[in-house]
PDB file of N, CA and C in Angstrom:
ATOM      1  N   MET A   1      -0.710  25.138 -35.889  1.00  0.00           N
ATOM      2  CA  MET A   1       0.407  23.953 -36.321  1.00  0.00           C
ATOM      3  C   MET A   1      -0.004  23.136 -37.401  1.00  0.00           C
ATOM      4  N   GLN A   2       0.074  22.275 -37.746  1.00  0.00           N
ATOM      5  CA  GLN A   2      -0.543  20.867 -38.563  1.00  0.00           C
ATOM      6  C   GLN A   2       0.700  19.863 -37.985  1.00  0.00           C
ATOM      7  N   ILE A   3       0.231  18.921 -37.514  1.00  0.00           N
ATOM      8  CA  ILE A   3       0.815  17.683 -37.049  1.00  0.00           C
ATOM      9  C   ILE A   3       0.332  15.846 -38.276  1.00  0.00           C
ATOM     10  N   THR A   4       1.120  15.990 -38.328  1.00  0.00           N
ATOM     11  CA  THR A   4       0.986  14.762 -39.405  1.00  0.00           C
ATOM     12  C   THR A   4       1.390  12.820 -38.252  1.00  0.00           C
ATOM     13  N   LEU A   5       0.885  12.546 -38.267  1.00  0.00           N
ATOM     14  CA  LEU A   5       0.620  11.149 -37.395  1.00  0.00           C
ATOM     15  C   LEU A   5       1.089  10.248 -38.823  1.00  0.00           C
ATOM     16  N   THR A   6       2.623   9.433 -38.369  1.00  0.00           N
ATOM     17  CA  THR A   6       3.005   8.631 -39.489  1.00  0.00           C
ATOM     18  C   THR A   6       3.397   7.557 -39.097  1.00  0.00           C
ATOM     19  N   ARG A   7       2.643   6.896 -38.437  1.00  0.00           N
ATOM     20  CA  ARG A   7       2.553   5.598 -37.479  1.00  0.00           C
ATOM     21  C   ARG A   7       0.969   5.538 -37.388  1.00  0.00           C
ATOM     22  N   PRO A   8       0.566   4.249 -38.547  1.00  0.00           N
ATOM     23  CA  PRO A   8      -0.534   4.284 -38.619  1.00  0.00           C
ATOM     24  C   PRO A   8      -1.268   3.921 -36.940  1.00  0.00           C
ATOM     25  N   GLU A   9      -0.841   2.629 -36.249  1.00  0.00           N
ATOM     26  CA  GLU A   9      -1.259   2.841 -34.633  1.00  0.00           C
ATOM     27  C   GLU A   9      -1.066   3.614 -34.130  1.00  0.00           C
ATOM     28  N   LEU A  10      -0.701   4.603 -33.928  1.00  0.00           N
ATOM     29  CA  LEU A  10      -0.971   5.994 -33.291  1.00  0.00           C
ATOM     30  C   LEU A  10      -2.166   6.458 -34.015  1.00  0.00           C
ATOM     31  N   GLU A  11      -2.140   6.600 -35.355  1.00  0.00           N
ATOM     32  CA  GLU A  11      -3.447   7.247 -35.779  1.00  0.00           C
ATOM     33  C   GLU A  11      -5.051   6.720 -35.284  1.00  0.00           C
ATOM     34  N   LYS A  12      -4.818   5.197 -35.778  1.00  0.00           N
ATOM     35  CA  LYS A  12      -5.613   4.804 -35.208  1.00  0.00           C
ATOM     36  C   LYS A  12      -6.131   4.335 -33.683  1.00  0.00           C
ATOM     37  N   PHE A  13      -4.714   4.005 -32.633  1.00  0.00           N
ATOM     38  CA  PHE A  13      -5.425   4.927 -31.102  1.00  0.00           C
ATOM     39  C   PHE A  13      -5.988   6.004 -31.166  1.00  0.00           C
ATOM     40  N   VAL A  14      -5.792   7.401 -31.770  1.00  0.00           N
ATOM     41  CA  VAL A  14      -6.195   8.531 -31.520  1.00  0.00           C
ATOM     42  C   VAL A  14      -7.609   8.514 -32.122  1.00  0.00           C
ATOM     43  N   ALA A  15      -8.200   7.590 -32.746  1.00  0.00           N
ATOM     44  CA  ALA A  15      -9.681   7.734 -33.374  1.00  0.00           C
ATOM     45  C   ALA A  15     -10.407   6.743 -32.644  1.00  0.00           C
ATOM     46  N   GLU A  16      -9.935   5.836 -31.947  1.00  0.00           N
ATOM     47  CA  GLU A  16     -10.446   5.323 -31.025  1.00  0.00           C
ATOM     48  C   GLU A  16     -10.522   5.618 -30.014  1.00  0.00           C
ATOM     49  N   GLN A  17      -9.167   6.790 -29.872  1.00  0.00           N
ATOM     50  CA  GLN A  17     -10.284   7.334 -27.985  1.00  0.00           C
ATOM     51  C   GLN A  17     -10.998   8.614 -28.401  1.00  0.00           C
ATOM     52  N   VAL A  18     -11.483   9.263 -29.549  1.00  0.00           N
ATOM     53  CA  VAL A  18     -12.079   9.732 -29.506  1.00  0.00           C
ATOM     54  C   VAL A  18     -13.675   9.603 -30.570  1.00  0.00           C
ATOM     55  N   ASP A  19     -13.279   7.577 -30.867  1.00  0.00           N
ATOM     56  CA  ASP A  19     -14.921   6.981 -30.578  1.00  0.00           C
ATOM     57  C   ASP A  19     -15.637   7.059 -29.677  1.00  0.00           C
ATOM     58  N   ALA A  20     -14.275   6.782 -28.707  1.00  0.00           N
ATOM     59  CA  ALA A  20     -15.190   6.115 -27.677  1.00  0.00           C
ATOM     60  C   ALA A  20     -15.288   7.083 -26.921  1.00  0.00           C
ATOM     61  N   GLY A  21     -15.525   8.762 -27.045  1.00  0.00           N
ATOM     62  CA  GLY A  21     -15.907   9.689 -26.017  1.00  0.00           C
ATOM     63  C   GLY A  21     -15.142   9.583 -25.332  1.00  0.00           C
ATOM     64  N   LEU A  22     -13.554   9.554 -25.208  1.00  0.00           N
ATOM     65  CA  LEU A  22     -12.570   9.827 -23.918  1.00  0.00           C
ATOM     66  C   LEU A  22     -12.399  11.308 -24.285  1.00  0.00           C
ATOM     67  N   PHE A  23     -12.305  11.927 -25.200  1.00  0.00           N
ATOM     68  CA  PHE A  23     -11.912  13.351 -25.990  1.00  0.00           C
ATOM     69  C   PHE A  23     -12.208  13.930 -26.894  1.00  0.00           C
ATOM     70  N   PRO A  24     -13.138  14.697 -27.109  1.00  0.00           N
ATOM     71  CA  PRO A  24     -13.934  15.341 -28.355  1.00  0.00           C
ATOM     72  C   PRO A  24     -13.246  15.314 -29.227  1.00  0.00           C
ATOM     73  N   SER A  25     -12.065  16.038 -29.459  1.00  0.00           N
ATOM     74  CA  SER A  25     -11.296  15.632 -30.403  1.00  0.00           C
ATOM     75  C   SER A  25      -9.357  15.268 -30.975  1.00  0.00           C
ATOM     76  N   ALA A  26      -9.396  15.430 -31.487  1.00  0.00           N
ATOM     77  CA  ALA A  26      -7.769  14.029 -32.398  1.00  0.00           C
ATOM     78  C   ALA A  26      -6.539  15.448 -32.172  1.00  0.00           C
ATOM     79  N   GLU A  27      -7.204  16.468 -31.731  1.00  0.00           N
ATOM     80  CA  GLU A  27      -6.324  17.666 -31.282  1.00  0.00           C
ATOM     81  C   GLU A  27      -6.423  17.466 -29.376  1.00  0.00           C
ATOM     82  N   ALA A  28      -7.570  17.293 -29.089  1.00  0.00           N
ATOM     83  CA  ALA A  28      -7.657  16.702 -27.538  1.00  0.00           C
ATOM     84  C   ALA A  28      -6.570  15.408 -27.491  1.00  0.00           C
ATOM     85  N   VAL A  29      -7.042  14.732 -28.142  1.00  0.00           N
ATOM     86  CA  VAL A  29      -5.610  13.206 -27.659  1.00  0.00           C
ATOM     87  C   VAL A  29      -4.826  13.903 -27.487  1.00  0.00           C
ATOM     88  N   ILE A  30      -4.107  14.428 -28.719  1.00  0.00           N
ATOM     89  CA  ILE A  30      -2.796  14.637 -28.454  1.00  0.00           C
ATOM     90  C   ILE A  30      -2.169  15.604 -27.738  1.00  0.00           C
ATOM     91  N   GLU A  31      -3.018  17.184 -27.027  1.00  0.00           N
ATOM     92  CA  GLU A  31      -2.449  17.938 -26.378  1.00  0.00           C
ATOM     93  C   GLU A  31      -2.409  16.552 -24.956  1.00  0.00           C
ATOM     94  N   ALA A  32      -3.517  16.163 -24.437  1.00  0.00           N
ATOM     95  CA  ALA A  32      -3.597  15.315 -22.921  1.00  0.00           C
ATOM     96  C   ALA A  32      -1.904  14.234 -23.072  1.00  0.00           C
ATOM     97  N   GLY A  33      -2.078  13.849 -23.869  1.00  0.00           N
ATOM     98  CA  GLY A  33      -0.925  13.390 -23.653  1.00  0.00           C
ATOM     99  C   GLY A  33       0.750  14.069 -24.047  1.00  0.00           C
ATOM    100  N   LEU A  34       0.823  15.450 -24.202  1.00  0.00           N
ATOM    101  CA  LEU A  34       1.802  16.194 -24.988  1.00  0.00           C
ATOM    102  C   LEU A  34       1.835  16.655 -23.306  1.00  0.00           C
ATOM    103  N   GLU A  35       0.603  17.335 -22.701  1.00  0.00           N
ATOM    104  CA  GLU A  35       0.606  17.404 -21.663  1.00  0.00           C
ATOM    105  C   GLU A  35       1.194  17.042 -20.413  1.00  0.00           C
ATOM    106  N   ARG A  36       1.329  15.476 -20.901  1.00  0.00           N
ATOM    107  CA  ARG A  36       1.418  13.871 -19.682  1.00  0.00           C
ATOM    108  C   ARG A  36       3.057  14.152 -19.911  1.00  0.00           C
ATOM    109  N   LEU A  37       3.508  14.325 -21.053  1.00  0.00           N
ATOM    110  CA  LEU A  37       4.523  14.116 -21.261  1.00  0.00           C
ATOM    111  C   LEU A  37       5.517  15.505 -20.511  1.00  0.00           C
ATOM    112  N   MET A  38       4.759  16.003 -20.429  1.00  0.00           N
ATOM    113  CA  MET A  38       5.874  17.529 -19.636  1.00  0.00           C
ATOM    114  C   MET A  38       5.999  16.842 -18.445  1.00  0.00           C
ATOM    115  N   GLU A  39       4.596  16.661 -17.307  1.00  0.00           N
ATOM    116  CA  GLU A  39       4.722  16.412 -16.210  1.00  0.00           C
ATOM    117  C   GLU A  39       5.306  15.525 -16.387  1.00  0.00           C
ATOM    118  N   SER A  40       6.142  14.764 -17.199  1.00  0.00           N
ATOM    119  CA  SER A  40       6.481  12.648 -16.361  1.00  0.00           C
ATOM    120  C   SER A  40       8.379  13.476 -16.676  1.00  0.00           C
ATOM    121  N   ALA A  41       8.390  14.427 -17.433  1.00  0.00           N
ATOM    122  CA  ALA A  41       9.774  14.451 -18.071  1.00  0.00           C
ATOM    123  C   ALA A  41      11.170  14.608 -16.467  1.00  0.00           C
ATOM    124  N   PRO A  42      11.964  13.754 -16.447  1.00  0.00           N
ATOM    125  CA  PRO A  42      12.588  14.668 -15.417  1.00  0.00           C
ATOM    126  C   PRO A  42      13.588  15.519 -15.274  1.00  0.00           C
ATOM    127  N   LEU A  43      13.611  15.504 -14.489  1.00  0.00           N
ATOM    128  CA  LEU A  43      14.313  16.970 -14.084  1.00  0.00           C
ATOM    129  C   LEU A  43      15.911  16.682 -13.756  1.00  0.00           C
ATOM    130  N   ASP A  44      17.192  16.911 -14.004  1.00  0.00           N
ATOM    131  CA  ASP A  44      18.588  16.673 -14.545  1.00  0.00           C
ATOM    132  C   ASP A  44      18.827  17.213 -13.082  1.00  0.00           C
ATOM    133  N   ASP A  45      20.001  16.401 -12.442  1.00  0.00           N
ATOM    134  CA  ASP A  45      20.308  16.896 -11.083  1.00  0.00           C
ATOM    135  C   ASP A  45      20.922  18.162 -11.184  1.00  0.00           C
ATOM    136  N   GLU A  46      21.735  19.551 -12.046  1.00  0.00           N
ATOM    137  CA  GLU A  46      21.718  20.532 -11.876  1.00  0.00           C
ATOM    138  C   GLU A  46      20.307  21.343 -11.540  1.00  0.00           C
ATOM    139  N   THR A  47      19.103  20.781 -12.555  1.00  0.00           N
ATOM    140  CA  THR A  47      17.881  21.767 -11.971  1.00  0.00           C
ATOM    141  C   THR A  47      17.326  20.963 -10.674  1.00  0.00           C
ATOM    142  N   LEU A  48      17.326  20.380 -10.738  1.00  0.00           N
ATOM    143  CA  LEU A  48      17.243  19.911  -9.108  1.00  0.00           C
ATOM    144  C   LEU A  48      17.885  20.335  -8.027  1.00  0.00           C
ATOM    145  N   ALA A  49      19.389  20.476  -7.916  1.00  0.00           N
ATOM    146  CA  ALA A  49      19.841  21.168  -7.107  1.00  0.00           C
ATOM    147  C   ALA A  49      19.718  22.317  -6.767  1.00  0.00           C
ATOM    148  N   ALA A  50      18.748  23.192  -8.196  1.00  0.00           N
ATOM    149  CA  ALA A  50      19.103  24.750  -8.068  1.00  0.00           C
ATOM    150  C   ALA A  50      17.563  24.465  -7.732  1.00  0.00           C
ATOM    151  N   ILE A  51      16.021  23.777  -7.598  1.00  0.00           N
ATOM    152  CA  ILE A  51      15.236  23.999  -7.031  1.00  0.00           C
ATOM    153  C   ILE A  51      15.884  23.951  -5.367  1.00  0.00           C
ATOM    154  N   GLU A  52      16.639  23.023  -4.965  1.00  0.00           N
ATOM    155  CA  GLU A  52      16.855  22.781  -3.688  1.00  0.00           C
ATOM    156  C   GLU A  52      17.270  24.333  -3.380  1.00  0.00           C
ATOM    157  N   GLU A  53      17.994  24.500  -3.617  1.00  0.00           N
ATOM    158  CA  GLU A  53      18.976  25.756  -3.115  1.00  0.00           C
ATOM    159  C   GLU A  53      17.620  26.321  -2.749  1.00  0.00           C
ATOM    160  N   GLY A  54      17.383  27.315  -3.642  1.00  0.00           N
ATOM    161  CA  GLY A  54      15.986  28.325  -3.723  1.00  0.00           C
ATOM    162  C   GLY A  54      15.126  28.066  -3.095  1.00  0.00           C
ATOM    163  N   GLU A  55      15.123  26.864  -2.295  1.00  0.00           N
ATOM    164  CA  GLU A  55      13.986  26.074  -1.042  1.00  0.00           C
ATOM    165  C   GLU A  55      14.606  26.747   0.267  1.00  0.00           C
ATOM    166  N   ALA A  56      15.704  26.550   0.136  1.00  0.00           N
ATOM    167  CA  ALA A  56      16.861  26.587   1.221  1.00  0.00           C
ATOM    168  C   ALA A  56      16.654  28.167   1.041  1.00  0.00           C
ATOM    169  N   GLN A  57      17.030  28.650   0.413  1.00  0.00           N
ATOM    170  CA  GLN A  57      17.217  29.770   0.615  1.00  0.00           C
ATOM    171  C   GLN A  57      16.030  30.928   1.121  1.00  0.00           C
ATOM    172  N   ILE A  58      14.642  30.293   0.765  1.00  0.00           N
ATOM    173  CA  ILE A  58      13.447  30.962   1.336  1.00  0.00           C
ATOM    174  C   ILE A  58      13.612  30.748   3.157  1.00  0.00           C
ATOM    175  N   ASP A  59      14.075  29.272   2.597  1.00  0.00           N
ATOM    176  CA  ASP A  59      13.559  28.897   4.450  1.00  0.00           C
ATOM    177  C   ASP A  59      14.499  29.461   5.129  1.00  0.00           C
ATOM    178  N   ARG A  60      15.686  30.264   4.736  1.00  0.00           N
ATOM    179  CA  ARG A  60      16.162  30.937   5.608  1.00  0.00           C
ATOM    180  C   ARG A  60      15.719  32.735   5.408  1.00  0.00           C
ATOM    181  N   GLY A  61      15.273  32.825   4.631  1.00  0.00           N
ATOM    182  CA  GLY A  61      14.742  34.402   3.994  1.00  0.00           C
ATOM    183  C   GLY A  61      15.387  35.330   3.319  1.00  0.00           C
ATOM    184  N   GLU A  62      16.106  34.038   2.738  1.00  0.00           N
ATOM    185  CA  GLU A  62      16.374  35.140   1.323  1.00  0.00           C
ATOM    186  C   GLU A  62      16.177  35.589   0.195  1.00  0.00           C
ATOM    187  N   GLU A  63      15.093  34.978   0.150  1.00  0.00           N
ATOM    188  CA  GLU A  63      14.649  35.498  -0.900  1.00  0.00           C
ATOM    189  C   GLU A  63      14.205  37.052  -1.035  1.00  0.00           C
ATOM    190  N   ILE A  64      13.965  37.445  -2.677  1.00  0.00           N
ATOM    191  CA  ILE A  64      13.474  39.259  -2.755  1.00  0.00           C
ATOM    192  C   ILE A  64      12.352  39.254  -3.690  1.00  0.00           C
ATOM    193  N   ASP A  65      11.640  40.055  -4.073  1.00  0.00           N
ATOM    194  CA  ASP A  65      10.503  40.927  -3.371  1.00  0.00           C
ATOM    195  C   ASP A  65      10.592  40.639  -5.708  1.00  0.00           C
ATOM    196  N   TRP A  66       9.812  39.674  -6.706  1.00  0.00           N
ATOM    197  CA  TRP A  66       9.729  39.970  -7.964  1.00  0.00           C
ATOM    198  C   TRP A  66      10.282  41.464  -8.617  1.00  0.00           C
ATOM    199  N   GLU A  67       9.601  42.216  -8.152  1.00  0.00           N
ATOM    200  CA  GLU A  67       9.857  43.450  -8.576  1.00  0.00           C
ATOM    201  C   GLU A  67      11.432  43.788  -8.725  1.00  0.00           C
ATOM    202  N   GLN A  68      11.668  43.094  -7.400  1.00  0.00           N
ATOM    203  CA  GLN A  68      13.153  44.000  -7.371  1.00  0.00           C
ATOM    204  C   GLN A  68      13.957  43.029  -8.249  1.00  0.00           C
ATOM    205  N   PHE A  69      13.768  41.363  -8.627  1.00  0.00           N
ATOM    206  CA  PHE A  69      14.405  40.489  -9.227  1.00  0.00           C
ATOM    207  C   PHE A  69      14.406  40.966 -10.451  1.00  0.00           C
ATOM    208  N   ALA A  70      13.372  41.601 -10.934  1.00  0.00           N
ATOM    209  CA  ALA A  70      12.731  41.713 -12.002  1.00  0.00           C
ATOM    210  C   ALA A  70      13.542  43.168 -12.516  1.00  0.00           C
ATOM    211  N   ALA A  71      13.845  44.298 -12.104  1.00  0.00           N
ATOM    212  CA  ALA A  71      14.594  44.923 -12.414  1.00  0.00           C
ATOM    213  C   ALA A  71      16.489  44.981 -11.620  1.00  0.00           C
ATOM    214  N   GLU A  72      16.693  44.054 -11.468  1.00  0.00           N
ATOM    215  CA  GLU A  72      17.999  43.751 -11.070  1.00  0.00           C
ATOM    216  C   GLU A  72      18.150  43.274 -12.867  1.00  0.00           C
ATOM    217  N   MET A  73      17.468  41.869 -12.763  1.00  0.00           N
ATOM    218  CA  MET A  73      17.711  41.434 -13.850  1.00  0.00           C
ATOM    219  C   MET A  73      17.949  42.163 -15.931  1.00  0.00           C
ATOM    220  N   ARG A  74      17.051  43.192 -15.441  1.00  0.00           N
ATOM    221  CA  ARG A  74      16.813  44.081 -16.511  1.00  0.00           C
ATOM    222  C   ARG A  74      18.409  45.379 -16.289  1.00  0.00           C
ATOM    223  N   ASN A  75      18.249  45.750 -15.888  1.00  0.00           N
ATOM    224  CA  ASN A  75      19.089  46.150 -15.393  1.00  0.00           C
ATOM    225  C   ASN A  75      20.947  45.179 -15.943  1.00  0.00           C
ATOM    226  N   LYS A  76      21.062  44.298 -15.582  1.00  0.00           N
ATOM    227  CA  LYS A  76      22.076  43.050 -15.955  1.00  0.00           C
ATOM    228  C   LYS A  76      21.594  42.712 -17.341  1.00  0.00           C
ATOM    229  N   TYR A  77      20.647  42.791 -17.815  1.00  0.00           N
ATOM    230  CA  TYR A  77      20.533  41.914 -19.459  1.00  0.00           C
ATOM    231  C   TYR A  77      20.420  42.777 -20.196  1.00  0.00           C
ATOM    232  N   CYS A  78      20.059  43.481 -19.990  1.00  0.00           N
ATOM    233  CA  CYS A  78      18.907  45.061 -20.663  1.00  0.00           C
ATOM    234  C   CYS A  78      19.185  46.108 -21.356  1.00  0.00           C
ATOM    235  N   LYS A  79      20.488  46.216 -21.226  1.00  0.00           N
ATOM    236  CA  LYS A  79      21.451  47.707 -21.353  1.00  0.00           C
ATOM    237  C   LYS A  79      22.097  48.314 -22.864  1.00  0.00           C
TER     238      LYS A  79
END
């Protein structure tokens, strides 16, 4: 993948990070920024509710084995 920064101040910031020895390359600066963005992305209410329900199911002992789940999904969606 090729990425071109169109804002000079961003390109300057990336170069400064590499020149300061904080990152080995421009690619590493961009990757670190994307990782941070991914980690900070807020979850919507529906996703949070699904996570909470899943945790409650586990607490109640309602979890299923991964192989069982995968088999059920294959049967449901891959016919």
